[in-house]
Amino acid sequence: MEAVVRQADLKRKSVALEDSRDDETMDELLGKYEDVAVRCIKLEHELSDSNRRMTLMESLVKKANEERDVAKDSLKKIQLMPELEEVRGRRARSISPGQEVFL
């Protein structure tokens, strides 16, 4: 009879010990879960910041391309001006090889 009582006591102690181990394991898992959740929130925040910066850069590139196109159009218009056509058609006087130029 004493052996049965001792065995029951040992079984209760082992169950209590297993329960405490389970509680410790559960606490560890919950702590790790909280750490992972916090890390995910930080990464999502960084991702949204990166996306915001990328959108800003894309808009700046688009604006720069538009300004470049406007500048190209302006240069084409300047090149097509009739006054410049006359200047391009004239030839500058060249100096003869034997003459000296006095300024």
Protein backbone atom coordinates (compact mmCIF):
# COMPACT_ATOMS: atom_id res chain seq x y z
CA MET A 1 0.00 0.00 0.00
CA GLU A 2 2.80 2.36 0.84
CA ALA A 3 4.34 1.71 -2.54
CA VAL A 4 1.08 2.68 -4.25
CA VAL A 5 0.90 5.90 -2.20
CA ARG A 6 4.52 6.72 -2.99
CA GLN A 7 3.95 6.01 -6.65
CA ALA A 8 0.87 8.29 -6.65
CA ASP A 9 2.88 11.04 -4.91
CA LEU A 10 5.70 10.68 -7.44
CA LYS A 11 3.18 10.80 -10.27
CA ARG A 12 1.59 13.99 -8.86
CA LYS A 13 5.02 15.58 -8.45
CA SER A 14 6.05 14.62 -11.97
CA VAL A 15 2.76 15.98 -13.36
CA ALA A 16 3.29 19.20 -11.39
CA LEU A 17 6.87 19.38 -12.67
CA GLU A 18 5.68 18.79 -16.26
CA ASP A 19 3.02 21.47 -15.82
CA SER A 20 5.64 23.95 -14.60
CA ARG A 21 7.85 23.02 -17.58
CA ASP A 22 4.88 23.51 -19.88
CA ASP A 23 4.21 26.91 -18.31
CA GLU A 24 7.86 27.90 -18.73
CA THR A 25 7.83 26.71 -22.33
CA MET A 26 4.59 28.58 -22.98
CA ASP A 27 6.04 31.75 -21.45
CA GLU A 28 9.15 31.41 -23.63
CA LEU A 29 7.02 30.90 -26.73
CA LEU A 30 4.85 33.90 -25.91
CA GLY A 31 7.94 36.04 -25.37
CA LYS A 32 9.39 34.94 -28.70
CA TYR A 33 6.04 35.57 -30.38
CA GLU A 34 5.94 39.11 -28.97
CA ASP A 35 9.51 39.71 -30.19
CA VAL A 36 8.60 38.49 -33.68
CA ALA A 37 5.45 40.65 -33.71
CA VAL A 38 7.45 43.75 -32.72
CA ARG A 39 10.06 42.96 -35.39
CA CYS A 40 7.34 42.58 -38.02
CA ILE A 41 5.85 45.94 -37.06
CA LYS A 42 9.28 47.59 -37.33
CA LEU A 43 9.91 45.99 -40.73
CA GLU A 44 6.50 47.09 -42.01
CA HIS A 45 7.26 50.63 -40.84
CA GLU A 46 10.64 50.57 -42.61
CA LEU A 47 8.96 49.19 -45.74
CA SER A 48 6.39 51.97 -45.76
CA ASP A 49 9.19 54.54 -45.32
CA SER A 50 11.11 52.97 -48.19
CA ASN A 51 8.01 52.98 -50.38
CA ARG A 52 7.37 56.63 -49.53
CA ARG A 53 10.97 57.56 -50.39
CA MET A 54 10.80 55.58 -53.62
CA THR A 55 7.59 57.35 -54.63
CA LEU A 56 9.22 60.71 -53.89
CA MET A 57 12.28 59.80 -55.98
CA GLU A 58 10.09 58.63 -58.86
CA SER A 59 8.21 61.93 -58.83
CA LEU A 60 11.52 63.85 -58.81
CA VAL A 61 12.79 61.82 -61.77
CA LYS A 62 9.55 62.44 -63.64
CA LYS A 63 9.80 66.18 -62.96
CA ALA A 64 13.45 66.25 -64.08
CA ASN A 65 12.54 64.41 -67.30
CA GLU A 66 9.75 66.90 -67.99
CA GLU A 67 12.14 69.82 -67.43
CA ARG A 68 14.69 68.16 -69.74
CA ASP A 69 12.05 67.78 -72.45
CA VAL A 70 11.06 71.44 -72.11
CA ALA A 71 14.72 72.48 -72.37
CA LYS A 72 15.20 70.31 -75.49
CA ASP A 73 12.14 71.86 -77.10
CA SER A 74 13.41 75.34 -76.29
CA LEU A 75 16.80 74.57 -77.83
CA LYS A 76 15.15 73.25 -80.99
CA LYS A 77 13.08 76.44 -81.26
CA ILE A 78 16.19 78.58 -80.80
CA GLN A 79 18.06 76.62 -83.47
CA LEU A 80 15.19 77.09 -85.92
CA MET A 81 15.12 80.87 -85.51
CA PRO A 82 15.63 82.62 -88.91
CA GLU A 83 18.26 85.00 -87.49
CA LEU A 84 20.48 82.07 -86.64
CA GLU A 85 20.05 80.60 -90.12
CA GLU A 86 21.54 83.76 -91.64
CA VAL A 87 24.51 83.69 -89.29
CA ARG A 88 25.22 80.05 -90.04
CA GLY A 89 25.09 80.76 -93.77
CA ARG A 90 27.68 83.54 -93.66
CA ARG A 91 31.28 82.68 -93.65
CA ALA A 92 33.69 84.56 -91.43
CA ARG A 93 36.55 86.33 -93.17
CA SER A 94 39.69 84.36 -93.13
CA ILE A 95 43.11 85.92 -92.95
CA SER A 96 45.37 85.43 -95.92
CA PRO A 97 48.58 83.63 -95.09
CA GLY A 98 50.87 86.56 -95.94
CA GLN A 99 48.98 89.33 -94.13
CA GLU A 100 49.55 90.52 -90.61
CA VAL A 101 46.66 91.47 -88.42
CA PHE A 102 46.96 94.63 -86.29
CA LEU A 103 44.62 95.16 -83.46
